[in-house]
């Protein structure tokens, strides 16, 4: 599965906002451009400009009620509330995207 233009553009935006974190690694995984922190997926840029966000399950249960947010779907499987898909229409500016990157980083730091 190849990434489309919207996914590549989102990956560029994520990369630009995460450049301050030298420990962030970028990998292609499951048709997603994944950004990892200490070996764990933080976020992923997906086809269509959808942002995959890894969060704490309880926090995800709250966040999934926000406009443009849904439990992530990978292939035939809907993931739990620890994996969210954030629609491109709610990622219009960098402040919106930075909010989700911060959420993912905060939840990742709690898990360690």
C-alpha atoms as a PDB file:
ATOM      1  CA  UNK A   1       0.000   0.000   0.000  1.00  0.00           C
ATOM      2  CA  UNK A   2       1.527   3.289  -1.077  1.00  0.00           C
ATOM      3  CA  UNK A   3       1.048   6.648   0.528  1.00  0.00           C
ATOM      4  CA  UNK A   4      -0.922   9.280  -1.374  1.00  0.00           C
ATOM      5  CA  UNK A   5      -0.110  12.991  -1.697  1.00  0.00           C
ATOM      6  CA  UNK A   6      -2.275  13.989   1.287  1.00  0.00           C
ATOM      7  CA  UNK A   7      -0.523  11.403   3.474  1.00  0.00           C
ATOM      8  CA  UNK A   8       2.918  12.575   2.341  1.00  0.00           C
ATOM      9  CA  UNK A   9       2.003  16.209   3.033  1.00  0.00           C
ATOM     10  CA  UNK A  10       0.813  15.284   6.517  1.00  0.00           C
ATOM     11  CA  UNK A  11       4.058  13.354   7.119  1.00  0.00           C
ATOM     12  CA  UNK A  12       6.019  16.478   6.114  1.00  0.00           C
ATOM     13  CA  UNK A  13       4.013  18.589   8.571  1.00  0.00           C
ATOM     14  CA  UNK A  14       4.484  16.048  11.383  1.00  0.00           C
ATOM     15  CA  UNK A  15       8.208  15.807  10.653  1.00  0.00           C
ATOM     16  CA  UNK A  16       8.564  19.608  10.783  1.00  0.00           C
ATOM     17  CA  UNK A  17       6.789  19.839  14.134  1.00  0.00           C
ATOM     18  CA  UNK A  18       8.706  16.914  15.667  1.00  0.00           C
ATOM     19  CA  UNK A  19      12.195  18.076  14.638  1.00  0.00           C
ATOM     20  CA  UNK A  20      12.771  19.350  18.168  1.00  0.00           C
ATOM     21  CA  UNK A  21      12.675  15.747  19.440  1.00  0.00           C
ATOM     22  CA  UNK A  22      15.926  14.166  18.309  1.00  0.00           C
ATOM     23  CA  UNK A  23      14.784  10.767  19.646  1.00  0.00           C
ATOM     24  CA  UNK A  24      11.866  10.537  17.193  1.00  0.00           C
ATOM     25  CA  UNK A  25      12.404   7.884  14.518  1.00  0.00           C
ATOM     26  CA  UNK A  26      10.465   7.618  11.261  1.00  0.00           C
ATOM     27  CA  UNK A  27       9.487   4.279   9.673  1.00  0.00           C
ATOM     28  CA  UNK A  28       7.100   3.007   7.025  1.00  0.00           C
ATOM     29  CA  UNK A  29       4.714   0.538   8.644  1.00  0.00           C
ATOM     30  CA  UNK A  30       1.390  -0.908   7.465  1.00  0.00           C
ATOM     31  CA  UNK A  31       0.940   1.709   4.739  1.00  0.00           C
ATOM     32  CA  UNK A  32       1.546   4.453   7.293  1.00  0.00           C
ATOM     33  CA  UNK A  33       4.495   6.780   7.795  1.00  0.00           C
ATOM     34  CA  UNK A  34       4.992   6.130  11.520  1.00  0.00           C
ATOM     35  CA  UNK A  35       6.842   8.384  13.931  1.00  0.00           C
ATOM     36  CA  UNK A  36       8.272   6.505  16.915  1.00  0.00           C
ATOM     37  CA  UNK A  37       9.466   7.742  20.290  1.00  0.00           C
ATOM     38  CA  UNK A  38      11.777   5.322  22.100  1.00  0.00           C
ATOM     39  CA  UNK A  39      10.679   2.558  19.734  1.00  0.00           C
ATOM     40  CA  UNK A  40       6.938   3.055  20.298  1.00  0.00           C
ATOM     41  CA  UNK A  41       4.565   4.528  17.712  1.00  0.00           C
ATOM     42  CA  UNK A  42       3.582   8.065  18.641  1.00  0.00           C
ATOM     43  CA  UNK A  43       1.635   9.064  15.516  1.00  0.00           C
ATOM     44  CA  UNK A  44       1.364   8.025  11.911  1.00  0.00           C
ATOM     45  CA  UNK A  45       0.560   9.858   8.691  1.00  0.00           C
ATOM     46  CA  UNK A  46      -1.954   7.776   6.733  1.00  0.00           C
ATOM     47  CA  UNK A  47      -3.419   7.926   3.248  1.00  0.00           C
ATOM     48  CA  UNK A  48      -5.959  10.674   2.784  1.00  0.00           C
ATOM     49  CA  UNK A  49      -4.141  12.900   5.289  1.00  0.00           C
ATOM     50  CA  UNK A  50      -5.511  11.007   8.290  1.00  0.00           C
ATOM     51  CA  UNK A  51      -3.403  11.176  11.452  1.00  0.00           C
ATOM     52  CA  UNK A  52      -3.110   7.962  13.458  1.00  0.00           C
ATOM     53  CA  UNK A  53      -2.579   8.842  17.131  1.00  0.00           C
ATOM     54  CA  UNK A  54      -1.566   6.423  19.873  1.00  0.00           C
ATOM     55  CA  UNK A  55      -3.012   7.397  23.251  1.00  0.00           C
ATOM     56  CA  UNK A  56      -3.809   5.933  26.633  1.00  0.00           C
ATOM     57  CA  UNK A  57      -7.045   3.872  26.315  1.00  0.00           C
ATOM     58  CA  UNK A  58      -8.932   5.931  28.929  1.00  0.00           C
ATOM     59  CA  UNK A  59      -7.807   9.226  27.438  1.00  0.00           C
ATOM     60  CA  UNK A  60      -8.729   7.894  23.995  1.00  0.00           C
ATOM     61  CA  UNK A  61     -12.255   7.121  25.217  1.00  0.00           C
ATOM     62  CA  UNK A  62     -12.639  10.855  25.960  1.00  0.00           C
ATOM     63  CA  UNK A  63     -10.886  12.071  22.812  1.00  0.00           C
ATOM     64  CA  UNK A  64     -12.916   9.871  20.440  1.00  0.00           C
ATOM     65  CA  UNK A  65     -15.950  12.058  21.175  1.00  0.00           C
ATOM     66  CA  UNK A  66     -14.269  15.071  19.514  1.00  0.00           C
ATOM     67  CA  UNK A  67     -15.297  16.135  16.022  1.00  0.00           C
ATOM     68  CA  UNK A  68     -13.300  14.361  13.318  1.00  0.00           C
ATOM     69  CA  UNK A  69     -11.948  11.651  15.637  1.00  0.00           C
ATOM     70  CA  UNK A  70     -12.732   7.931  15.454  1.00  0.00           C
ATOM     71  CA  UNK A  71     -11.251   4.650  16.650  1.00  0.00           C
ATOM     72  CA  UNK A  72      -8.618   3.682  14.086  1.00  0.00           C
ATOM     73  CA  UNK A  73      -9.392   1.034  11.504  1.00  0.00           C
ATOM     74  CA  UNK A  74      -6.554  -1.125  10.204  1.00  0.00           C
ATOM     75  CA  UNK A  75      -7.624  -3.492   7.463  1.00  0.00           C
ATOM     76  CA  UNK A  76     -10.776  -5.272   8.585  1.00  0.00           C
ATOM     77  CA  UNK A  77     -10.145  -4.497  12.244  1.00  0.00           C
ATOM     78  CA  UNK A  78     -11.313  -1.552  14.341  1.00  0.00           C
ATOM     79  CA  UNK A  79      -8.711  -0.823  16.984  1.00  0.00           C
ATOM     80  CA  UNK A  80      -9.479   0.080  20.601  1.00  0.00           C
ATOM     81  CA  UNK A  81      -9.567   3.621  21.925  1.00  0.00           C
ATOM     82  CA  UNK A  82      -5.776   3.549  22.276  1.00  0.00           C
ATOM     83  CA  UNK A  83      -5.488   4.158  18.511  1.00  0.00           C
ATOM     84  CA  UNK A  84      -7.347   7.106  17.004  1.00  0.00           C
ATOM     85  CA  UNK A  85      -7.799   8.330  13.450  1.00  0.00           C
ATOM     86  CA  UNK A  86      -7.968  12.111  13.247  1.00  0.00           C
ATOM     87  CA  UNK A  87      -9.569  13.411  10.041  1.00  0.00           C
ATOM     88  CA  UNK A  88      -7.725  15.960   7.875  1.00  0.00           C
ATOM     89  CA  UNK A  89     -10.544  18.510   8.205  1.00  0.00           C
ATOM     90  CA  UNK A  90      -9.673  18.964  11.902  1.00  0.00           C
ATOM     91  CA  UNK A  91      -5.917  19.213  11.175  1.00  0.00           C
ATOM     92  CA  UNK A  92      -6.118  22.342   9.055  1.00  0.00           C
ATOM     93  CA  UNK A  93      -3.428  24.385  10.764  1.00  0.00           C
ATOM     94  CA  UNK A  94      -0.245  23.536  12.639  1.00  0.00           C
ATOM     95  CA  UNK A  95      -1.800  24.414  16.008  1.00  0.00           C
ATOM     96  CA  UNK A  96      -4.422  21.680  15.444  1.00  0.00           C
ATOM     97  CA  UNK A  97      -1.739  19.177  14.468  1.00  0.00           C
ATOM     98  CA  UNK A  98       0.519  20.220  17.369  1.00  0.00           C
ATOM     99  CA  UNK A  99      -2.357  19.560  19.798  1.00  0.00           C
ATOM    100  CA  UNK A 100      -2.505  15.897  18.689  1.00  0.00           C
ATOM    101  CA  UNK A 101       1.286  15.502  18.714  1.00  0.00           C
ATOM    102  CA  UNK A 102       1.335  16.853  22.278  1.00  0.00           C
ATOM    103  CA  UNK A 103      -1.469  14.480  23.320  1.00  0.00           C
ATOM    104  CA  UNK A 104       0.452  11.512  21.892  1.00  0.00           C
ATOM    105  CA  UNK A 105       3.723  12.577  23.572  1.00  0.00           C
ATOM    106  CA  UNK A 106       2.064  13.158  26.952  1.00  0.00           C
ATOM    107  CA  UNK A 107       0.289   9.796  26.866  1.00  0.00           C
ATOM    108  CA  UNK A 108       3.496   8.027  25.739  1.00  0.00           C
ATOM    109  CA  UNK A 109       5.442   9.562  28.633  1.00  0.00           C
ATOM    110  CA  UNK A 110       2.799   8.293  31.099  1.00  0.00           C
ATOM    111  CA  UNK A 111       3.153   4.725  29.771  1.00  0.00           C
ATOM    112  CA  UNK A 112       6.893   4.573  30.410  1.00  0.00           C
END
